[in-house]
Amino acid sequence: MINWKRIVELTARWYVFAMLNLYAIGKITGGQFYRKGHLPEAITQKTVDQLSGFELAWTFFGYSKFYIVFIGLAQLIGAVMLLWDRTKLLGAVLLLGILLNIIVVDFEFGVGDAIVSAIFYFSLLLLIVGLNWKQVQTVWAQLTQKATRPYIPSRAKMIQFAISLGLLVIVFFLETLFLKMVGFNRF
């Protein structure tokens, strides 16, 4: 008997894998974004307020090579995770977050036709999650089940609360001290 659910899921997983790999490799190899030191001449002739949303976004994201590689690797990792049954949902969740960000950026900065592809891949990932809904529900139930805790008398709770507040203040001042040590001033 043909398992259509499995065929549809595999098709969606492989398609998203292939397409996001193309985008990720494009980012990593320099085919996406206006990179620092390699700006198109038309962009260099404009002031920031003259740039279109697309030009501004592509210049901004292209400023940091590390950021571009980070995004590309995150896409690659999520896409590769789609290939195995054990990691497909984790990959889908990772990629849903990445694609939601891409969709918002594309929409807000007028990136054009790229938003249609991003929405399509996002929809395929939702399909993958939907086809595995029982597994998602099981994981969600395990993550959100209430932990059983031993009874703690009210006095002990108040002491724990007071100690926690004191530690919060100490952590805040340690962070502030660290910021000053590296040359930043919080206040």
N, C-alpha and C. Protein backbone atom coordinates (compact mmCIF):
# COMPACT_ATOMS: atom_id res chain seq x y z
N MET A 1 0.84 -1.19 0.00
CA MET A 1 0.00 0.00 0.00
C MET A 1 0.88 1.26 0.00
N ILE A 2 0.52 2.24 -0.76
CA ILE A 2 1.30 3.49 -0.86
C ILE A 2 0.99 4.38 0.34
N ASN A 3 2.03 4.83 0.99
CA ASN A 3 1.89 5.72 2.15
C ASN A 3 2.03 7.16 1.65
N TRP A 4 0.89 7.76 1.28
CA TRP A 4 0.89 9.11 0.71
C TRP A 4 1.37 10.16 1.69
N LYS A 5 1.03 9.98 2.95
CA LYS A 5 1.48 10.94 3.97
C LYS A 5 3.01 10.98 3.99
N ARG A 6 3.64 9.83 3.96
CA ARG A 6 5.10 9.75 3.98
C ARG A 6 5.69 10.35 2.70
N ILE A 7 5.08 10.09 1.57
CA ILE A 7 5.57 10.61 0.29
C ILE A 7 5.48 12.13 0.26
N VAL A 8 4.36 12.68 0.73
CA VAL A 8 4.18 14.13 0.77
C VAL A 8 5.19 14.76 1.72
N GLU A 9 5.37 14.14 2.88
CA GLU A 9 6.31 14.69 3.86
C GLU A 9 7.74 14.66 3.31
N LEU A 10 8.16 13.54 2.74
CA LEU A 10 9.51 13.46 2.17
C LEU A 10 9.73 14.46 1.06
N THR A 11 8.72 14.62 0.22
CA THR A 11 8.83 15.60 -0.87
C THR A 11 9.03 17.00 -0.31
N ALA A 12 8.24 17.37 0.71
CA ALA A 12 8.36 18.69 1.33
C ALA A 12 9.73 18.84 1.98
N ARG A 13 10.17 17.84 2.70
CA ARG A 13 11.47 17.91 3.38
C ARG A 13 12.61 18.05 2.39
N TRP A 14 12.61 17.26 1.35
CA TRP A 14 13.69 17.31 0.37
C TRP A 14 13.69 18.62 -0.40
N TYR A 15 12.50 19.12 -0.72
CA TYR A 15 12.42 20.37 -1.48
C TYR A 15 12.96 21.54 -0.64
N VAL A 16 12.51 21.63 0.61
CA VAL A 16 12.99 22.70 1.48
C VAL A 16 14.50 22.55 1.69
N PHE A 17 14.96 21.32 1.89
CA PHE A 17 16.40 21.07 2.04
C PHE A 17 17.17 21.63 0.84
N ALA A 18 16.73 21.27 -0.36
CA ALA A 18 17.45 21.69 -1.57
C ALA A 18 17.43 23.20 -1.74
N MET A 19 16.28 23.82 -1.59
CA MET A 19 16.16 25.25 -1.84
C MET A 19 16.90 26.08 -0.78
N LEU A 20 16.77 25.70 0.49
CA LEU A 20 17.46 26.47 1.52
C LEU A 20 18.96 26.27 1.46
N ASN A 21 19.41 25.12 0.96
CA ASN A 21 20.84 24.94 0.73
C ASN A 21 21.34 25.91 -0.33
N LEU A 22 20.56 26.11 -1.38
CA LEU A 22 20.96 27.07 -2.42
C LEU A 22 21.09 28.48 -1.84
N TYR A 23 20.09 28.88 -1.04
CA TYR A 23 20.15 30.21 -0.41
C TYR A 23 21.33 30.30 0.56
N ALA A 24 21.54 29.26 1.35
CA ALA A 24 22.62 29.27 2.34
C ALA A 24 23.98 29.34 1.66
N ILE A 25 24.16 28.54 0.65
CA ILE A 25 25.44 28.55 -0.08
C ILE A 25 25.63 29.91 -0.77
N GLY A 26 24.56 30.48 -1.28
CA GLY A 26 24.63 31.82 -1.87
C GLY A 26 25.09 32.86 -0.87
N LYS A 27 24.59 32.75 0.36
CA LYS A 27 25.02 33.69 1.40
C LYS A 27 26.52 33.50 1.70
N ILE A 28 26.89 32.26 1.94
CA ILE A 28 28.26 31.96 2.37
C ILE A 28 29.28 32.30 1.29
N THR A 29 28.95 32.08 0.04
CA THR A 29 29.90 32.32 -1.05
C THR A 29 29.86 33.75 -1.59
N GLY A 30 28.99 34.59 -1.04
CA GLY A 30 28.99 36.00 -1.44
C GLY A 30 27.98 36.38 -2.49
N GLY A 31 27.06 35.50 -2.81
CA GLY A 31 26.07 35.80 -3.83
C GLY A 31 24.84 36.52 -3.32
N GLN A 32 24.77 36.76 -2.03
CA GLN A 32 23.61 37.45 -1.48
C GLN A 32 24.10 38.59 -0.59
N PHE A 33 23.39 39.67 -0.60
CA PHE A 33 23.68 40.89 0.16
C PHE A 33 24.78 41.71 -0.50
N TYR A 34 24.76 43.02 -0.20
CA TYR A 34 25.80 43.93 -0.67
C TYR A 34 26.89 43.93 0.39
N ARG A 35 27.99 43.31 0.10
CA ARG A 35 29.03 43.11 1.10
C ARG A 35 29.92 44.34 1.26
N LYS A 36 30.34 44.52 2.50
CA LYS A 36 31.24 45.62 2.83
C LYS A 36 32.47 45.53 1.93
N GLY A 37 32.80 46.62 1.28
CA GLY A 37 33.93 46.65 0.38
C GLY A 37 33.59 46.22 -1.05
N HIS A 38 32.39 45.73 -1.26
CA HIS A 38 31.97 45.27 -2.59
C HIS A 38 30.57 45.82 -2.92
N LEU A 39 30.33 47.05 -2.53
CA LEU A 39 29.02 47.65 -2.77
C LEU A 39 28.88 48.04 -4.24
N PRO A 40 27.69 47.84 -4.81
CA PRO A 40 27.46 48.33 -6.18
C PRO A 40 27.66 49.84 -6.21
N GLU A 41 28.20 50.35 -7.30
CA GLU A 41 28.48 51.78 -7.39
C GLU A 41 27.22 52.62 -7.20
N ALA A 42 26.09 52.14 -7.69
CA ALA A 42 24.84 52.88 -7.53
C ALA A 42 24.49 53.07 -6.05
N ILE A 43 24.86 52.12 -5.22
CA ILE A 43 24.59 52.22 -3.79
C ILE A 43 25.54 53.22 -3.14
N THR A 44 26.79 53.21 -3.54
CA THR A 44 27.78 54.11 -2.94
C THR A 44 27.50 55.57 -3.27
N GLN A 45 26.73 55.83 -4.32
CA GLN A 45 26.43 57.20 -4.74
C GLN A 45 25.25 57.80 -3.98
N LYS A 46 24.59 57.00 -3.14
CA LYS A 46 23.40 57.47 -2.43
C LYS A 46 23.70 57.68 -0.95
N THR A 47 22.94 58.59 -0.33
CA THR A 47 22.97 58.72 1.12
C THR A 47 22.01 57.69 1.69
N VAL A 48 22.11 57.44 2.97
CA VAL A 48 21.26 56.42 3.61
C VAL A 48 19.79 56.71 3.39
N ASP A 49 19.39 57.97 3.50
CA ASP A 49 17.96 58.27 3.34
C ASP A 49 17.49 58.17 1.89
N GLN A 50 18.40 58.04 0.95
CA GLN A 50 18.02 57.86 -0.46
C GLN A 50 17.89 56.38 -0.84
N LEU A 51 18.40 55.49 0.01
CA LEU A 51 18.35 54.06 -0.30
C LEU A 51 16.91 53.54 -0.20
N SER A 52 16.57 52.63 -1.08
CA SER A 52 15.28 51.94 -0.95
C SER A 52 15.38 50.98 0.23
N GLY A 53 14.25 50.48 0.67
CA GLY A 53 14.26 49.50 1.77
C GLY A 53 15.11 48.29 1.42
N PHE A 54 14.96 47.82 0.19
CA PHE A 54 15.75 46.67 -0.26
C PHE A 54 17.24 46.98 -0.20
N GLU A 55 17.64 48.12 -0.73
CA GLU A 55 19.06 48.49 -0.75
C GLU A 55 19.60 48.64 0.68
N LEU A 56 18.81 49.24 1.54
CA LEU A 56 19.21 49.43 2.93
C LEU A 56 19.39 48.08 3.63
N ALA A 57 18.42 47.19 3.46
CA ALA A 57 18.49 45.87 4.09
C ALA A 57 19.68 45.08 3.57
N TRP A 58 19.87 45.08 2.26
CA TRP A 58 20.96 44.28 1.67
C TRP A 58 22.32 44.83 2.08
N THR A 59 22.42 46.15 2.22
CA THR A 59 23.68 46.75 2.66
C THR A 59 23.92 46.45 4.14
N PHE A 60 22.87 46.58 4.94
CA PHE A 60 22.98 46.32 6.39
C PHE A 60 23.39 44.87 6.64
N PHE A 61 22.68 43.92 6.05
CA PHE A 61 22.99 42.51 6.29
C PHE A 61 24.35 42.13 5.70
N GLY A 62 24.78 42.81 4.67
CA GLY A 62 26.07 42.52 4.06
C GLY A 62 27.25 43.11 4.80
N TYR A 63 27.00 43.94 5.79
CA TYR A 63 28.08 44.61 6.52
C TYR A 63 28.98 43.62 7.27
N SER A 64 28.39 42.58 7.85
CA SER A 64 29.14 41.66 8.69
C SER A 64 29.27 40.30 8.02
N LYS A 65 30.49 39.95 7.67
CA LYS A 65 30.74 38.63 7.06
C LYS A 65 30.36 37.52 8.04
N PHE A 66 30.68 37.70 9.32
CA PHE A 66 30.33 36.69 10.32
C PHE A 66 28.83 36.47 10.36
N TYR A 67 28.05 37.54 10.35
CA TYR A 67 26.60 37.42 10.40
C TYR A 67 26.06 36.67 9.19
N ILE A 68 26.59 36.97 8.02
CA ILE A 68 26.16 36.30 6.80
C ILE A 68 26.45 34.80 6.90
N VAL A 69 27.65 34.45 7.32
CA VAL A 69 28.03 33.04 7.46
C VAL A 69 27.18 32.38 8.54
N PHE A 70 26.92 33.07 9.63
CA PHE A 70 26.08 32.55 10.71
C PHE A 70 24.69 32.20 10.19
N ILE A 71 24.07 33.12 9.46
CA ILE A 71 22.74 32.86 8.91
C ILE A 71 22.79 31.69 7.92
N GLY A 72 23.79 31.70 7.05
CA GLY A 72 23.92 30.62 6.07
C GLY A 72 24.11 29.27 6.73
N LEU A 73 24.97 29.20 7.75
CA LEU A 73 25.18 27.93 8.45
C LEU A 73 23.93 27.48 9.20
N ALA A 74 23.21 28.42 9.80
CA ALA A 74 21.97 28.06 10.48
C ALA A 74 20.97 27.47 9.49
N GLN A 75 20.88 28.05 8.29
CA GLN A 75 20.01 27.50 7.26
C GLN A 75 20.48 26.11 6.83
N LEU A 76 21.77 25.95 6.65
CA LEU A 76 22.33 24.65 6.26
C LEU A 76 22.05 23.59 7.32
N ILE A 77 22.30 23.91 8.56
CA ILE A 77 22.10 22.96 9.65
C ILE A 77 20.63 22.55 9.74
N GLY A 78 19.73 23.54 9.72
CA GLY A 78 18.31 23.23 9.77
C GLY A 78 17.87 22.40 8.60
N ALA A 79 18.37 22.72 7.41
CA ALA A 79 17.99 21.98 6.21
C ALA A 79 18.50 20.54 6.27
N VAL A 80 19.73 20.36 6.71
CA VAL A 80 20.28 19.00 6.82
C VAL A 80 19.48 18.18 7.84
N MET A 81 19.03 18.82 8.90
CA MET A 81 18.24 18.12 9.92
C MET A 81 16.92 17.58 9.35
N LEU A 82 16.44 18.18 8.28
CA LEU A 82 15.21 17.71 7.65
C LEU A 82 15.38 16.33 7.00
N LEU A 83 16.59 15.94 6.75
CA LEU A 83 16.84 14.70 6.01
C LEU A 83 16.59 13.44 6.85
N TRP A 84 16.66 13.54 8.17
CA TRP A 84 16.50 12.36 9.03
C TRP A 84 15.23 12.47 9.86
N ASP A 85 14.56 11.35 10.01
CA ASP A 85 13.32 11.32 10.78
C ASP A 85 13.53 11.78 12.22
N ARG A 86 14.66 11.43 12.81
CA ARG A 86 14.90 11.79 14.21
C ARG A 86 15.07 13.29 14.42
N THR A 87 15.54 14.00 13.42
CA THR A 87 15.84 15.44 13.59
C THR A 87 14.95 16.34 12.75
N LYS A 88 14.02 15.78 11.99
CA LYS A 88 13.23 16.58 11.06
C LYS A 88 12.42 17.68 11.76
N LEU A 89 11.83 17.37 12.91
CA LEU A 89 11.02 18.39 13.59
C LEU A 89 11.88 19.47 14.21
N LEU A 90 13.03 19.11 14.74
CA LEU A 90 13.94 20.12 15.27
C LEU A 90 14.42 21.03 14.15
N GLY A 91 14.75 20.44 13.00
CA GLY A 91 15.14 21.24 11.84
C GLY A 91 14.02 22.14 11.37
N ALA A 92 12.80 21.60 11.36
CA ALA A 92 11.64 22.40 10.93
C ALA A 92 11.42 23.59 11.86
N VAL A 93 11.53 23.36 13.16
CA VAL A 93 11.33 24.45 14.13
C VAL A 93 12.42 25.52 13.97
N LEU A 94 13.66 25.09 13.81
CA LEU A 94 14.76 26.04 13.58
C LEU A 94 14.50 26.86 12.32
N LEU A 95 14.13 26.18 11.24
CA LEU A 95 13.91 26.88 9.97
C LEU A 95 12.65 27.74 9.99
N LEU A 96 11.63 27.35 10.75
CA LEU A 96 10.44 28.20 10.86
C LEU A 96 10.81 29.55 11.45
N GLY A 97 11.66 29.56 12.47
CA GLY A 97 12.11 30.82 13.05
C GLY A 97 12.92 31.66 12.08
N ILE A 98 13.82 31.01 11.37
CA ILE A 98 14.65 31.71 10.39
C ILE A 98 13.78 32.28 9.27
N LEU A 99 12.87 31.46 8.75
CA LEU A 99 12.03 31.92 7.63
C LEU A 99 11.03 32.98 8.06
N LEU A 100 10.53 32.90 9.28
CA LEU A 100 9.63 33.96 9.75
C LEU A 100 10.36 35.29 9.78
N ASN A 101 11.60 35.28 10.24
CA ASN A 101 12.40 36.50 10.22
C ASN A 101 12.62 37.00 8.79
N ILE A 102 12.92 36.09 7.87
CA ILE A 102 13.12 36.47 6.47
C ILE A 102 11.85 37.06 5.89
N ILE A 103 10.71 36.46 6.19
CA ILE A 103 9.43 36.96 5.69
C ILE A 103 9.17 38.38 6.18
N VAL A 104 9.41 38.61 7.46
CA VAL A 104 9.18 39.95 8.03
C VAL A 104 10.12 40.97 7.39
N VAL A 105 11.41 40.61 7.27
CA VAL A 105 12.37 41.53 6.64
C VAL A 105 11.97 41.79 5.19
N ASP A 106 11.66 40.73 4.44
CA ASP A 106 11.27 40.90 3.04
C ASP A 106 10.04 41.80 2.91
N PHE A 107 9.07 41.61 3.79
CA PHE A 107 7.84 42.41 3.74
C PHE A 107 8.12 43.86 4.10
N GLU A 108 8.82 44.07 5.18
CA GLU A 108 9.04 45.43 5.68
C GLU A 108 10.02 46.24 4.83
N PHE A 109 10.95 45.57 4.16
CA PHE A 109 11.95 46.27 3.38
C PHE A 109 11.73 46.15 1.88
N GLY A 110 10.60 45.56 1.49
CA GLY A 110 10.26 45.50 0.08
C GLY A 110 11.21 44.66 -0.75
N VAL A 111 11.55 43.49 -0.25
CA VAL A 111 12.51 42.65 -0.96
C VAL A 111 11.87 41.96 -2.17
N GLY A 112 10.58 42.05 -2.31
CA GLY A 112 9.94 41.61 -3.55
C GLY A 112 9.65 40.13 -3.64
N ASP A 113 10.06 39.52 -4.76
CA ASP A 113 9.65 38.15 -5.04
C ASP A 113 10.22 37.13 -4.05
N ALA A 114 11.27 37.47 -3.34
CA ALA A 114 11.85 36.55 -2.37
C ALA A 114 10.85 36.19 -1.28
N ILE A 115 9.96 37.11 -0.96
CA ILE A 115 8.98 36.83 0.09
C ILE A 115 8.05 35.69 -0.31
N VAL A 116 7.73 35.58 -1.58
CA VAL A 116 6.83 34.52 -2.05
C VAL A 116 7.49 33.16 -1.81
N SER A 117 8.76 33.04 -2.16
CA SER A 117 9.48 31.79 -1.92
C SER A 117 9.59 31.50 -0.43
N ALA A 118 9.90 32.50 0.37
CA ALA A 118 10.03 32.29 1.82
C ALA A 118 8.71 31.82 2.41
N ILE A 119 7.60 32.41 1.98
CA ILE A 119 6.29 31.98 2.48
C ILE A 119 5.99 30.55 2.03
N PHE A 120 6.39 30.20 0.82
CA PHE A 120 6.18 28.85 0.31
C PHE A 120 6.96 27.83 1.15
N TYR A 121 8.24 28.11 1.42
CA TYR A 121 9.04 27.19 2.24
C TYR A 121 8.50 27.11 3.66
N PHE A 122 8.07 28.25 4.18
CA PHE A 122 7.48 28.30 5.52
C PHE A 122 6.24 27.41 5.56
N SER A 123 5.41 27.48 4.53
CA SER A 123 4.20 26.66 4.46
C SER A 123 4.54 25.18 4.38
N LEU A 124 5.58 24.83 3.63
CA LEU A 124 5.99 23.42 3.56
C LEU A 124 6.48 22.92 4.92
N LEU A 125 7.16 23.77 5.66
CA LEU A 125 7.60 23.39 7.00
C LEU A 125 6.41 23.21 7.94
N LEU A 126 5.41 24.08 7.81
CA LEU A 126 4.19 23.90 8.61
C LEU A 126 3.49 22.60 8.25
N LEU A 127 3.53 22.24 6.97
CA LEU A 127 2.96 20.96 6.53
C LEU A 127 3.70 19.80 7.20
N ILE A 128 5.01 19.86 7.24
CA ILE A 128 5.81 18.82 7.89
C ILE A 128 5.43 18.69 9.36
N VAL A 129 5.33 19.83 10.03
CA VAL A 129 4.93 19.82 11.44
C VAL A 129 3.52 19.25 11.58
N GLY A 130 2.62 19.67 10.72
CA GLY A 130 1.24 19.18 10.78
C GLY A 130 1.14 17.68 10.54
N LEU A 131 1.93 17.15 9.64
CA LEU A 131 1.90 15.71 9.36
C LEU A 131 2.46 14.90 10.53
N ASN A 132 3.15 15.56 11.43
CA ASN A 132 3.72 14.90 12.61
C ASN A 132 3.11 15.44 13.90
N TRP A 133 1.85 15.84 13.82
CA TRP A 133 1.21 16.55 14.92
C TRP A 133 1.16 15.74 16.21
N LYS A 134 0.94 14.44 16.14
CA LYS A 134 0.90 13.62 17.36
C LYS A 134 2.24 13.66 18.09
N GLN A 135 3.32 13.59 17.33
CA GLN A 135 4.65 13.68 17.92
C GLN A 135 4.88 15.06 18.53
N VAL A 136 4.43 16.09 17.85
CA VAL A 136 4.56 17.45 18.36
C VAL A 136 3.79 17.59 19.67
N GLN A 137 2.58 17.05 19.71
CA GLN A 137 1.77 17.11 20.94
C GLN A 137 2.44 16.38 22.09
N THR A 138 3.03 15.23 21.79
CA THR A 138 3.72 14.46 22.83
C THR A 138 4.90 15.24 23.39
N VAL A 139 5.70 15.81 22.52
CA VAL A 139 6.86 16.60 22.96
C VAL A 139 6.39 17.82 23.75
N TRP A 140 5.36 18.49 23.25
CA TRP A 140 4.84 19.68 23.95
C TRP A 140 4.34 19.31 25.35
N ALA A 141 3.65 18.18 25.45
CA ALA A 141 3.14 17.74 26.76
C ALA A 141 4.29 17.47 27.72
N GLN A 142 5.36 16.86 27.23
CA GLN A 142 6.51 16.59 28.09
C GLN A 142 7.21 17.87 28.51
N LEU A 143 7.31 18.83 27.61
CA LEU A 143 7.98 20.09 27.92
C LEU A 143 7.19 20.95 28.88
N THR A 144 5.88 20.83 28.84
CA THR A 144 5.04 21.74 29.63
C THR A 144 4.40 21.09 30.85
N GLN A 145 4.70 19.82 31.09
CA GLN A 145 4.08 19.20 32.27
C GLN A 145 4.63 19.82 33.54
N LYS A 146 3.76 19.94 34.49
CA LYS A 146 4.13 20.58 35.74
C LYS A 146 5.07 19.67 36.52
N ALA A 147 6.15 20.25 36.95
CA ALA A 147 7.12 19.49 37.75
C ALA A 147 6.57 19.30 39.15
N THR A 148 6.77 18.13 39.70
CA THR A 148 6.34 17.89 41.08
C THR A 148 7.45 18.37 42.00
N ARG A 149 7.05 19.16 42.95
CA ARG A 149 8.02 19.72 43.88
C ARG A 149 7.64 19.31 45.30
N PRO A 150 8.63 19.10 46.11
CA PRO A 150 8.32 18.77 47.51
C PRO A 150 7.73 19.99 48.22
N TYR A 151 6.98 19.73 49.25
CA TYR A 151 6.38 20.81 50.04
C TYR A 151 7.49 21.61 50.70
N ILE A 152 7.40 22.94 50.59
CA ILE A 152 8.36 23.84 51.23
C ILE A 152 7.55 24.78 52.13
N PRO A 153 7.88 24.81 53.42
CA PRO A 153 7.14 25.71 54.33
C PRO A 153 7.26 27.17 53.90
N SER A 154 6.28 27.97 54.28
CA SER A 154 6.22 29.38 53.88
C SER A 154 7.47 30.15 54.28
N ARG A 155 7.96 29.90 55.48
CA ARG A 155 9.17 30.61 55.96
C ARG A 155 10.35 30.29 55.04
N ALA A 156 10.51 29.05 54.66
CA ALA A 156 11.61 28.66 53.77
C ALA A 156 11.45 29.30 52.39
N LYS A 157 10.20 29.40 51.93
CA LYS A 157 9.95 30.06 50.63
C LYS A 157 10.35 31.52 50.69
N MET A 158 10.02 32.19 51.78
CA MET A 158 10.37 33.61 51.93
C MET A 158 11.89 33.78 51.97
N ILE A 159 12.58 32.87 52.64
CA ILE A 159 14.05 32.96 52.69
C ILE A 159 14.63 32.75 51.30
N GLN A 160 14.12 31.75 50.56
CA GLN A 160 14.59 31.51 49.19
C GLN A 160 14.33 32.72 48.31
N PHE A 161 13.16 33.33 48.46
CA PHE A 161 12.81 34.51 47.68
C PHE A 161 13.76 35.66 47.98
N ALA A 162 14.05 35.89 49.26
CA ALA A 162 14.95 36.98 49.66
C ALA A 162 16.36 36.73 49.13
N ILE A 163 16.83 35.51 49.23
CA ILE A 163 18.17 35.18 48.73
C ILE A 163 18.22 35.39 47.21
N SER A 164 17.16 34.95 46.51
CA SER A 164 17.10 35.13 45.06
C SER A 164 17.15 36.61 44.68
N LEU A 165 16.39 37.44 45.40
CA LEU A 165 16.44 38.89 45.13
C LEU A 165 17.84 39.45 45.36
N GLY A 166 18.47 39.03 46.46
CA GLY A 166 19.82 39.49 46.74
C GLY A 166 20.79 39.08 45.64
N LEU A 167 20.66 37.84 45.17
CA LEU A 167 21.53 37.37 44.08
C LEU A 167 21.25 38.12 42.78
N LEU A 168 19.99 38.46 42.54
CA LEU A 168 19.65 39.25 41.35
C LEU A 168 20.39 40.59 41.36
N VAL A 169 20.42 41.24 42.50
CA VAL A 169 21.11 42.53 42.63
C VAL A 169 22.61 42.34 42.40
N ILE A 170 23.17 41.27 42.97
CA ILE A 170 24.60 41.01 42.79
C ILE A 170 24.92 40.74 41.32
N VAL A 171 24.10 39.93 40.65
CA VAL A 171 24.32 39.63 39.24
C VAL A 171 24.23 40.91 38.40
N PHE A 172 23.26 41.78 38.71
CA PHE A 172 23.13 43.04 37.99
C PHE A 172 24.41 43.87 38.14
N PHE A 173 24.94 43.98 39.35
CA PHE A 173 26.14 44.77 39.56
C PHE A 173 27.37 44.11 38.93
N LEU A 174 27.43 42.78 38.91
CA LEU A 174 28.52 42.09 38.23
C LEU A 174 28.48 42.37 36.73
N GLU A 175 27.29 42.34 36.15
CA GLU A 175 27.16 42.65 34.73
C GLU A 175 27.59 44.08 34.46
N THR A 176 27.15 45.01 35.29
CA THR A 176 27.52 46.42 35.14
C THR A 176 29.03 46.59 35.26
N LEU A 177 29.65 45.90 36.21
CA LEU A 177 31.11 45.95 36.38
C LEU A 177 31.79 45.40 35.13
N PHE A 178 31.30 44.29 34.62
CA PHE A 178 31.88 43.70 33.41
C PHE A 178 31.77 44.66 32.23
N LEU A 179 30.60 45.30 32.07
CA LEU A 179 30.42 46.26 30.99
C LEU A 179 31.42 47.40 31.10
N LYS A 180 31.66 47.90 32.32
CA LYS A 180 32.63 48.98 32.51
C LYS A 180 34.05 48.51 32.20
N MET A 181 34.35 47.25 32.56
CA MET A 181 35.69 46.70 32.30
C MET A 181 35.99 46.62 30.80
N VAL A 182 34.96 46.36 29.99
CA VAL A 182 35.19 46.24 28.55
C VAL A 182 34.93 47.56 27.82
N GLY A 183 34.65 48.62 28.59
CA GLY A 183 34.58 49.94 27.98
C GLY A 183 33.19 50.49 27.71
N PHE A 184 32.16 49.84 28.25
CA PHE A 184 30.79 50.35 28.07
C PHE A 184 30.27 50.84 29.39
N ASN A 185 29.35 51.77 29.31
CA ASN A 185 28.75 52.32 30.53
C ASN A 185 27.25 52.19 30.44
N ARG A 186 26.69 51.46 31.38
CA ARG A 186 25.24 51.23 31.38
C ARG A 186 24.48 52.52 31.72
N PHE A 187 25.04 53.34 32.57
CA PHE A 187 24.32 54.53 33.02
C PHE A 187 25.00 55.79 32.57
